[in-house]
Amino acid sequence: TRFTYLNLAVLDAEPITSATQFILRLTFENGQVLSDTTE
């Protein structure tokens, strides 16, 4: 985090929902899963 590259997934489509949260889930070759949810 001392570096200032911003790693972004930029939304490119209009949603029909007015409020939501987004989840990013990664699954690794050894079965490990990393997941987090936005506010």
All heavy atoms as atom14 arrays in JSON, in Angstrom:
{
  "sequence": "TRFTYLNLAVLDAEPITSATQFILRLTFENGQVLSDTTE",
  "atom14_mask": [
    [1, 1, 1, 1, 1, 1, 1, 0, 0, 0, 0, 0, 0, 0],
    [1, 1, 1, 1, 1, 1, 1, 1, 1, 1, 1, 0, 0, 0],
    [1, 1, 1, 1, 1, 1, 1, 1, 1, 1, 1, 0, 0, 0],
    [1, 1, 1, 1, 1, 1, 1, 0, 0, 0, 0, 0, 0, 0],
    [1, 1, 1, 1, 1, 1, 1, 1, 1, 1, 1, 1, 0, 0],
    [1, 1, 1, 1, 1, 1, 1, 1, 0, 0, 0, 0, 0, 0],
    [1, 1, 1, 1, 1, 1, 1, 1, 0, 0, 0, 0, 0, 0],
    [1, 1, 1, 1, 1, 1, 1, 1, 0, 0, 0, 0, 0, 0],
    [1, 1, 1, 1, 1, 0, 0, 0, 0, 0, 0, 0, 0, 0],
    [1, 1, 1, 1, 1, 1, 1, 0, 0, 0, 0, 0, 0, 0],
    [1, 1, 1, 1, 1, 1, 1, 1, 0, 0, 0, 0, 0, 0],
    [1, 1, 1, 1, 1, 1, 1, 1, 0, 0, 0, 0, 0, 0],
    [1, 1, 1, 1, 1, 0, 0, 0, 0, 0, 0, 0, 0, 0],
    [1, 1, 1, 1, 1, 1, 1, 1, 1, 0, 0, 0, 0, 0],
    [1, 1, 1, 1, 1, 1, 1, 0, 0, 0, 0, 0, 0, 0],
    [1, 1, 1, 1, 1, 1, 1, 1, 0, 0, 0, 0, 0, 0],
    [1, 1, 1, 1, 1, 1, 1, 0, 0, 0, 0, 0, 0, 0],
    [1, 1, 1, 1, 1, 1, 0, 0, 0, 0, 0, 0, 0, 0],
    [1, 1, 1, 1, 1, 0, 0, 0, 0, 0, 0, 0, 0, 0],
    [1, 1, 1, 1, 1, 1, 1, 0, 0, 0, 0, 0, 0, 0],
    [1, 1, 1, 1, 1, 1, 1, 1, 1, 0, 0, 0, 0, 0],
    [1, 1, 1, 1, 1, 1, 1, 1, 1, 1, 1, 0, 0, 0],
    [1, 1, 1, 1, 1, 1, 1, 1, 0, 0, 0, 0, 0, 0],
    [1, 1, 1, 1, 1, 1, 1, 1, 0, 0, 0, 0, 0, 0],
    [1, 1, 1, 1, 1, 1, 1, 1, 1, 1, 1, 0, 0, 0],
    [1, 1, 1, 1, 1, 1, 1, 1, 0, 0, 0, 0, 0, 0],
    [1, 1, 1, 1, 1, 1, 1, 0, 0, 0, 0, 0, 0, 0],
    [1, 1, 1, 1, 1, 1, 1, 1, 1, 1, 1, 0, 0, 0],
    [1, 1, 1, 1, 1, 1, 1, 1, 1, 0, 0, 0, 0, 0],
    [1, 1, 1, 1, 1, 1, 1, 1, 0, 0, 0, 0, 0, 0],
    [1, 1, 1, 1, 0, 0, 0, 0, 0, 0, 0, 0, 0, 0],
    [1, 1, 1, 1, 1, 1, 1, 1, 1, 0, 0, 0, 0, 0],
    [1, 1, 1, 1, 1, 1, 1, 0, 0, 0, 0, 0, 0, 0],
    [1, 1, 1, 1, 1, 1, 1, 1, 0, 0, 0, 0, 0, 0],
    [1, 1, 1, 1, 1, 1, 0, 0, 0, 0, 0, 0, 0, 0],
    [1, 1, 1, 1, 1, 1, 1, 1, 0, 0, 0, 0, 0, 0],
    [1, 1, 1, 1, 1, 1, 1, 0, 0, 0, 0, 0, 0, 0],
    [1, 1, 1, 1, 1, 1, 1, 0, 0, 0, 0, 0, 0, 0],
    [1, 1, 1, 1, 1, 1, 1, 1, 1, 0, 0, 0, 0, 0]
  ],
  "atom14_positions": [
    [[0.8, -1.22, 0.0], [0.0, 0.0, 0.0], [0.84, 1.28, 0.0], [0.3, 2.37, -0.14], [-0.95, 0.02, 1.21], [-0.19, -0.16, 2.41], [-1.98, -1.09, 1.11], [0.0, 0.0, 0.0], [0.0, 0.0, 0.0], [0.0, 0.0, 0.0], [0.0, 0.0, 0.0], [0.0, 0.0, 0.0], [0.0, 0.0, 0.0], [0.0, 0.0, 0.0]],
    [[2.15, 1.16, 0.13], [2.98, 2.35, 0.0], [3.04, 2.81, -1.45], [3.36, 3.95, -1.73], [4.4, 2.06, 0.5], [4.5, 1.84, 2.01], [5.89, 1.4, 2.39], [6.24, 0.14, 1.77], [7.44, -0.42, 1.86], [8.39, 0.18, 2.55], [7.69, -1.57, 1.27], [0.0, 0.0, 0.0], [0.0, 0.0, 0.0], [0.0, 0.0, 0.0]],
    [[2.72, 1.9, -2.37], [2.67, 2.27, -3.78], [1.26, 2.75, -4.1], [0.31, 2.42, -3.42], [3.04, 1.08, -4.67], [4.49, 0.7, -4.57], [4.95, -0.06, -3.51], [5.4, 1.12, -5.52], [6.29, -0.41, -3.4], [6.74, 0.78, -5.42], [7.19, 0.01, -4.36], [0.0, 0.0, 0.0], [0.0, 0.0, 0.0], [0.0, 0.0, 0.0]],
    [[1.12, 3.54, -5.16], [-0.15, 4.19, -5.4], [-0.8, 3.73, -6.71], [-1.5, 4.48, -7.36], [0.01, 5.72, -5.42], [1.09, 6.08, -6.29], [0.29, 6.23, -4.02], [0.0, 0.0, 0.0], [0.0, 0.0, 0.0], [0.0, 0.0, 0.0], [0.0, 0.0, 0.0], [0.0, 0.0, 0.0], [0.0, 0.0, 0.0], [0.0, 0.0, 0.0]],
    [[-0.52, 2.49, -7.12], [-1.3, 1.9, -8.18], [-2.67, 1.54, -7.6], [-2.76, 0.94, -6.53], [-0.64, 0.63, -8.72], [0.58, 0.89, -9.58], [1.85, 0.84, -9.04], [0.44, 1.17, -10.93], [2.97, 1.07, -9.83], [1.54, 1.4, -11.72], [2.8, 1.35, -11.18], [3.9, 1.57, -11.96], [0.0, 0.0, 0.0], [0.0, 0.0, 0.0]],
    [[-3.72, 1.92, -8.31], [-5.07, 1.57, -7.89], [-5.56, 0.43, -8.78], [-5.62, 0.55, -10.0], [-6.0, 2.79, -8.03], [-5.6, 4.04, -7.26], [-6.54, 5.19, -7.58], [-5.58, 3.77, -5.77], [0.0, 0.0, 0.0], [0.0, 0.0, 0.0], [0.0, 0.0, 0.0], [0.0, 0.0, 0.0], [0.0, 0.0, 0.0], [0.0, 0.0, 0.0]],
    [[-5.9, -0.69, -8.16], [-6.37, -1.85, -8.89], [-7.89, -1.86, -8.85], [-8.49, -2.11, -7.8], [-5.79, -3.12, -8.27], [-4.27, -3.03, -8.17], [-3.61, -2.76, -9.16], [-3.73, -3.22, -6.98], [0.0, 0.0, 0.0], [0.0, 0.0, 0.0], [0.0, 0.0, 0.0], [0.0, 0.0, 0.0], [0.0, 0.0, 0.0], [0.0, 0.0, 0.0]],
    [[-8.51, -1.58, -9.99], [-9.94, -1.3, -10.03], [-10.66, -2.2, -11.03], [-10.17, -2.47, -12.13], [-10.18, 0.16, -10.45], [-9.45, 1.25, -9.66], [-9.74, 2.61, -10.3], [-9.88, 1.25, -8.2], [0.0, 0.0, 0.0], [0.0, 0.0, 0.0], [0.0, 0.0, 0.0], [0.0, 0.0, 0.0], [0.0, 0.0, 0.0], [0.0, 0.0, 0.0]],
    [[-11.87, -2.64, -10.63], [-12.83, -3.25, -11.55], [-13.91, -2.21, -11.79], [-14.69, -1.88, -10.89], [-13.41, -4.53, -10.96], [0.0, 0.0, 0.0], [0.0, 0.0, 0.0], [0.0, 0.0, 0.0], [0.0, 0.0, 0.0], [0.0, 0.0, 0.0], [0.0, 0.0, 0.0], [0.0, 0.0, 0.0], [0.0, 0.0, 0.0], [0.0, 0.0, 0.0]],
    [[-13.95, -1.63, -12.98], [-14.8, -0.48, -13.27], [-16.1, -0.95, -13.92], [-16.08, -1.66, -14.93], [-14.07, 0.52, -14.2], [-14.97, 1.71, -14.52], [-12.77, 0.99, -13.54], [0.0, 0.0, 0.0], [0.0, 0.0, 0.0], [0.0, 0.0, 0.0], [0.0, 0.0, 0.0], [0.0, 0.0, 0.0], [0.0, 0.0, 0.0], [0.0, 0.0, 0.0]],
    [[-17.21, -0.55, -13.33], [-18.53, -0.96, -13.83], [-18.79, -0.33, -15.19], [-18.58, 0.87, -15.38], [-19.61, -0.56, -12.82], [-21.04, -1.02, -13.12], [-21.12, -2.54, -13.21], [-21.98, -0.49, -12.04], [0.0, 0.0, 0.0], [0.0, 0.0, 0.0], [0.0, 0.0, 0.0], [0.0, 0.0, 0.0], [0.0, 0.0, 0.0], [0.0, 0.0, 0.0]],
    [[-19.31, -1.15, -16.12], [-19.51, -0.7, -17.49], [-20.95, -0.92, -17.95], [-21.21, -0.95, -19.15], [-18.53, -1.44, -18.42], [-18.39, -0.76, -19.76], [-18.47, 0.48, -19.81], [-18.19, -1.47, -20.77], [0.0, 0.0, 0.0], [0.0, 0.0, 0.0], [0.0, 0.0, 0.0], [0.0, 0.0, 0.0], [0.0, 0.0, 0.0], [0.0, 0.0, 0.0]],
    [[-21.88, -1.09, -17.02], [-23.28, -1.33, -17.37], [-24.19, -0.76, -16.3], [-23.83, -0.73, -15.12], [-23.54, -2.83, -17.54], [0.0, 0.0, 0.0], [0.0, 0.0, 0.0], [0.0, 0.0, 0.0], [0.0, 0.0, 0.0], [0.0, 0.0, 0.0], [0.0, 0.0, 0.0], [0.0, 0.0, 0.0], [0.0, 0.0, 0.0], [0.0, 0.0, 0.0]],
    [[-25.36, -0.33, -16.7], [-26.3, 0.29, -15.77], [-27.15, -0.77, -15.09], [-27.76, -1.6, -15.76], [-27.19, 1.28, -16.5], [-28.12, 2.05, -15.59], [-28.87, 3.15, -16.3], [-28.73, 3.27, -17.54], [-29.59, 3.91, -15.61], [0.0, 0.0, 0.0], [0.0, 0.0, 0.0], [0.0, 0.0, 0.0], [0.0, 0.0, 0.0], [0.0, 0.0, 0.0]],
    [[-27.23, -0.75, -13.76], [-28.04, -1.75, -13.05], [-29.51, -1.33, -12.98], [-29.83, -0.14, -13.09], [-27.42, -1.76, -11.66], [-26.91, -0.36, -11.48], [-26.48, 0.11, -12.84], [0.0, 0.0, 0.0], [0.0, 0.0, 0.0], [0.0, 0.0, 0.0], [0.0, 0.0, 0.0], [0.0, 0.0, 0.0], [0.0, 0.0, 0.0], [0.0, 0.0, 0.0]],
    [[-30.39, -2.32, -12.78], [-31.8, -2.0, -12.54], [-32.05, -1.8, -11.05], [-33.02, -1.17, -10.66], [-32.73, -3.1, -13.09], [-32.43, -4.45, -12.42], [-32.61, -3.2, -14.6], [-33.44, -5.53, -12.75], [0.0, 0.0, 0.0], [0.0, 0.0, 0.0], [0.0, 0.0, 0.0], [0.0, 0.0, 0.0], [0.0, 0.0, 0.0], [0.0, 0.0, 0.0]],
    [[-31.15, -2.34, -10.24], [-31.3, -2.22, -8.79], [-30.82, -0.85, -8.33], [-29.92, -0.26, -8.93], [-30.51, -3.32, -8.06], [-30.73, -3.21, -6.67], [-29.0, -3.2, -8.35], [0.0, 0.0, 0.0], [0.0, 0.0, 0.0], [0.0, 0.0, 0.0], [0.0, 0.0, 0.0], [0.0, 0.0, 0.0], [0.0, 0.0, 0.0], [0.0, 0.0, 0.0]],
    [[-31.45, -0.34, -7.28], [-31.03, 0.96, -6.76], [-29.98, 0.82, -5.66], [-29.18, 1.73, -5.45], [-32.23, 1.73, -6.22], [-32.86, 0.99, -5.17], [0.0, 0.0, 0.0], [0.0, 0.0, 0.0], [0.0, 0.0, 0.0], [0.0, 0.0, 0.0], [0.0, 0.0, 0.0], [0.0, 0.0, 0.0], [0.0, 0.0, 0.0], [0.0, 0.0, 0.0]],
    [[-29.97, -0.32, -4.99], [-29.01, -0.52, -3.89], [-28.55, -1.96, -3.9], [-29.35, -2.89, -4.04], [-29.63, -0.16, -2.55], [0.0, 0.0, 0.0], [0.0, 0.0, 0.0], [0.0, 0.0, 0.0], [0.0, 0.0, 0.0], [0.0, 0.0, 0.0], [0.0, 0.0, 0.0], [0.0, 0.0, 0.0], [0.0, 0.0, 0.0], [0.0, 0.0, 0.0]],
    [[-27.25, -2.16, -3.74], [-26.72, -3.51, -3.71], [-25.35, -3.52, -3.08], [-24.77, -2.47, -2.76], [-26.64, -4.11, -5.14], [-26.44, -5.52, -5.07], [-25.51, -3.48, -5.94], [0.0, 0.0, 0.0], [0.0, 0.0, 0.0], [0.0, 0.0, 0.0], [0.0, 0.0, 0.0], [0.0, 0.0, 0.0], [0.0, 0.0, 0.0], [0.0, 0.0, 0.0]],
    [[-24.83, -4.7, -2.87], [-23.45, -4.92, -2.47], [-22.82, -5.86, -3.49], [-23.51, -6.7, -4.09], [-23.36, -5.55, -1.08], [-23.86, -4.66, 0.05], [-23.93, -5.41, 1.36], [-24.95, -6.03, 1.67], [-22.86, -5.36, 2.14], [0.0, 0.0, 0.0], [0.0, 0.0, 0.0], [0.0, 0.0, 0.0], [0.0, 0.0, 0.0], [0.0, 0.0, 0.0]],
    [[-21.51, -5.72, -3.67], [-20.8, -6.59, -4.6], [-19.88, -7.53, -3.82], [-19.33, -7.18, -2.78], [-19.98, -5.77, -5.6], [-20.83, -5.03, -6.6], [-21.07, -3.67, -6.43], [-21.4, -5.69, -7.67], [-21.86, -2.97, -7.34], [-22.19, -5.0, -8.59], [-22.42, -3.64, -8.42], [0.0, 0.0, 0.0], [0.0, 0.0, 0.0], [0.0, 0.0, 0.0]],
    [[-19.74, -8.73, -4.36], [-18.9, -9.77, -3.77], [-17.85, -10.18, -4.8], [-18.17, -10.39, -5.97], [-19.73, -11.01, -3.38], [-20.84, -10.62, -2.39], [-18.84, -12.11, -2.8], [-21.91, -11.69, -2.24], [0.0, 0.0, 0.0], [0.0, 0.0, 0.0], [0.0, 0.0, 0.0], [0.0, 0.0, 0.0], [0.0, 0.0, 0.0], [0.0, 0.0, 0.0]],
    [[-16.6, -10.27, -4.37], [-15.54, -10.84, -5.21], [-15.05, -12.1, -4.53], [-14.68, -12.08, -3.37], [-14.39, -9.85, -5.39], [-13.18, -10.36, -6.18], [-13.57, -10.82, -7.57], [-12.1, -9.27, -6.27], [0.0, 0.0, 0.0], [0.0, 0.0, 0.0], [0.0, 0.0, 0.0], [0.0, 0.0, 0.0], [0.0, 0.0, 0.0], [0.0, 0.0, 0.0]],
    [[-15.08, -13.21, -5.28], [-14.68, -14.5, -4.72], [-13.62, -15.13, -5.6], [-13.79, -15.29, -6.81], [-15.88, -15.43, -4.61], [-15.58, -16.78, -3.95], [-16.85, -17.62, -3.82], [-17.85, -16.92, -3.04], [-19.14, -16.82, -3.39], [-19.56, -17.37, -4.51], [-20.0, -16.16, -2.62], [0.0, 0.0, 0.0], [0.0, 0.0, 0.0], [0.0, 0.0, 0.0]],
    [[-12.48, -15.49, -5.0], [-11.38, -16.16, -5.69], [-11.24, -17.57, -5.15], [-11.24, -17.78, -3.93], [-10.06, -15.42, -5.48], [-10.01, -13.92, -5.81], [-8.6, -13.39, -5.54], [-10.41, -13.66, -7.24], [0.0, 0.0, 0.0], [0.0, 0.0, 0.0], [0.0, 0.0, 0.0], [0.0, 0.0, 0.0], [0.0, 0.0, 0.0], [0.0, 0.0, 0.0]],
    [[-11.1, -18.55, -6.04], [-10.84, -19.93, -5.66], [-9.49, -20.36, -6.23], [-9.23, -20.15, -7.42], [-11.94, -20.88, -6.18], [-13.21, -20.42, -5.71], [-11.7, -22.3, -5.7], [0.0, 0.0, 0.0], [0.0, 0.0, 0.0], [0.0, 0.0, 0.0], [0.0, 0.0, 0.0], [0.0, 0.0, 0.0], [0.0, 0.0, 0.0], [0.0, 0.0, 0.0]],
    [[-8.64, -20.94, -5.38], [-7.27, -21.28, -5.77], [-7.14, -22.77, -6.03], [-7.99, -23.58, -5.66], [-6.3, -20.84, -4.67], [-6.26, -19.37, -4.44], [-7.25, -18.73, -3.69], [-5.25, -18.6, -4.97], [-7.22, -17.37, -3.48], [-5.2, -17.22, -4.76], [-6.2, -16.61, -4.02], [0.0, 0.0, 0.0], [0.0, 0.0, 0.0], [0.0, 0.0, 0.0]],
    [[-6.01, -23.14, -6.66], [-5.82, -24.51, -7.09], [-5.71, -25.49, -5.92], [-5.97, -26.68, -6.08], [-4.59, -24.63, -7.99], [-3.29, -24.18, -7.36], [-2.14, -24.16, -8.36], [-2.39, -24.51, -9.55], [-1.02, -23.8, -7.98], [0.0, 0.0, 0.0], [0.0, 0.0, 0.0], [0.0, 0.0, 0.0], [0.0, 0.0, 0.0], [0.0, 0.0, 0.0]],
    [[-5.35, -25.0, -4.73], [-5.28, -25.9, -3.57], [-6.58, -25.91, -2.76], [-6.64, -26.49, -1.68], [-4.11, -25.5, -2.65], [-4.35, -24.18, -1.91], [-5.29, -23.45, -2.23], [-3.52, -23.89, -0.94], [0.0, 0.0, 0.0], [0.0, 0.0, 0.0], [0.0, 0.0, 0.0], [0.0, 0.0, 0.0], [0.0, 0.0, 0.0], [0.0, 0.0, 0.0]],
    [[-7.63, -25.26, -3.3], [-8.92, -25.25, -2.62], [-9.16, -24.02, -1.76], [-10.27, -23.8, -1.28], [0.0, 0.0, 0.0], [0.0, 0.0, 0.0], [0.0, 0.0, 0.0], [0.0, 0.0, 0.0], [0.0, 0.0, 0.0], [0.0, 0.0, 0.0], [0.0, 0.0, 0.0], [0.0, 0.0, 0.0], [0.0, 0.0, 0.0], [0.0, 0.0, 0.0]],
    [[-8.12, -23.2, -1.54], [-8.28, -21.97, -0.77], [-9.29, -21.05, -1.44], [-9.36, -20.96, -2.67], [-6.94, -21.24, -0.64], [-7.03, -19.88, 0.06], [-5.76, -19.07, -0.1], [-4.85, -19.44, -0.85], [-5.67, -17.95, 0.59], [0.0, 0.0, 0.0], [0.0, 0.0, 0.0], [0.0, 0.0, 0.0], [0.0, 0.0, 0.0], [0.0, 0.0, 0.0]],
    [[-10.1, -20.36, -0.64], [-11.06, -19.39, -1.15], [-10.86, -18.07, -0.42], [-10.76, -18.04, 0.81], [-12.52, -19.88, -0.95], [-13.5, -18.78, -1.36], [-12.78, -21.15, -1.74], [0.0, 0.0, 0.0], [0.0, 0.0, 0.0], [0.0, 0.0, 0.0], [0.0, 0.0, 0.0], [0.0, 0.0, 0.0], [0.0, 0.0, 0.0], [0.0, 0.0, 0.0]],
    [[-10.76, -16.99, -1.18], [-10.77, -15.64, -0.62], [-12.02, -14.94, -1.12], [-12.33, -14.97, -2.31], [-9.54, -14.84, -1.05], [-8.19, -15.21, -0.44], [-7.09, -14.3, -1.0], [-8.21, -15.12, 1.08], [0.0, 0.0, 0.0], [0.0, 0.0, 0.0], [0.0, 0.0, 0.0], [0.0, 0.0, 0.0], [0.0, 0.0, 0.0], [0.0, 0.0, 0.0]],
    [[-12.74, -14.31, -0.21], [-13.97, -13.62, -0.59], [-14.14, -12.38, 0.27], [-13.79, -12.38, 1.45], [-15.18, -14.56, -0.42], [-16.38, -13.91, -0.79], [0.0, 0.0, 0.0], [0.0, 0.0, 0.0], [0.0, 0.0, 0.0], [0.0, 0.0, 0.0], [0.0, 0.0, 0.0], [0.0, 0.0, 0.0], [0.0, 0.0, 0.0], [0.0, 0.0, 0.0]],
    [[-14.67, -11.33, -0.33], [-14.98, -10.14, 0.43], [-16.18, -9.46, -0.21], [-16.48, -9.65, -1.4], [-13.79, -9.18, 0.48], [-13.94, -8.11, 1.57], [-14.59, -8.4, 2.59], [-13.42, -7.0, 1.4], [0.0, 0.0, 0.0], [0.0, 0.0, 0.0], [0.0, 0.0, 0.0], [0.0, 0.0, 0.0], [0.0, 0.0, 0.0], [0.0, 0.0, 0.0]],
    [[-16.88, -8.64, 0.59], [-18.11, -7.97, 0.15], [-17.98, -6.48, 0.41], [-17.5, -6.06, 1.46], [-19.33, -8.52, 0.93], [-19.39, -9.94, 0.77], [-20.62, -7.91, 0.43], [0.0, 0.0, 0.0], [0.0, 0.0, 0.0], [0.0, 0.0, 0.0], [0.0, 0.0, 0.0], [0.0, 0.0, 0.0], [0.0, 0.0, 0.0], [0.0, 0.0, 0.0]],
    [[-18.41, -5.68, -0.56], [-18.38, -4.24, -0.4], [-19.48, -3.8, 0.57], [-20.4, -4.56, 0.87], [-18.61, -3.52, -1.73], [-19.96, -3.75, -2.17], [-17.62, -3.97, -2.79], [0.0, 0.0, 0.0], [0.0, 0.0, 0.0], [0.0, 0.0, 0.0], [0.0, 0.0, 0.0], [0.0, 0.0, 0.0], [0.0, 0.0, 0.0], [0.0, 0.0, 0.0]],
    [[-19.38, -2.57, 1.02], [-20.5, -1.95, 1.7], [-21.62, -1.69, 0.69], [-21.4, -1.77, -0.53], [-20.05, -0.64, 2.37], [-19.0, -0.83, 3.44], [-18.54, 0.48, 4.03], [-18.62, 1.52, 3.33], [-18.08, 0.49, 5.2], [0.0, 0.0, 0.0], [0.0, 0.0, 0.0], [0.0, 0.0, 0.0], [0.0, 0.0, 0.0], [0.0, 0.0, 0.0]]
  ]
}
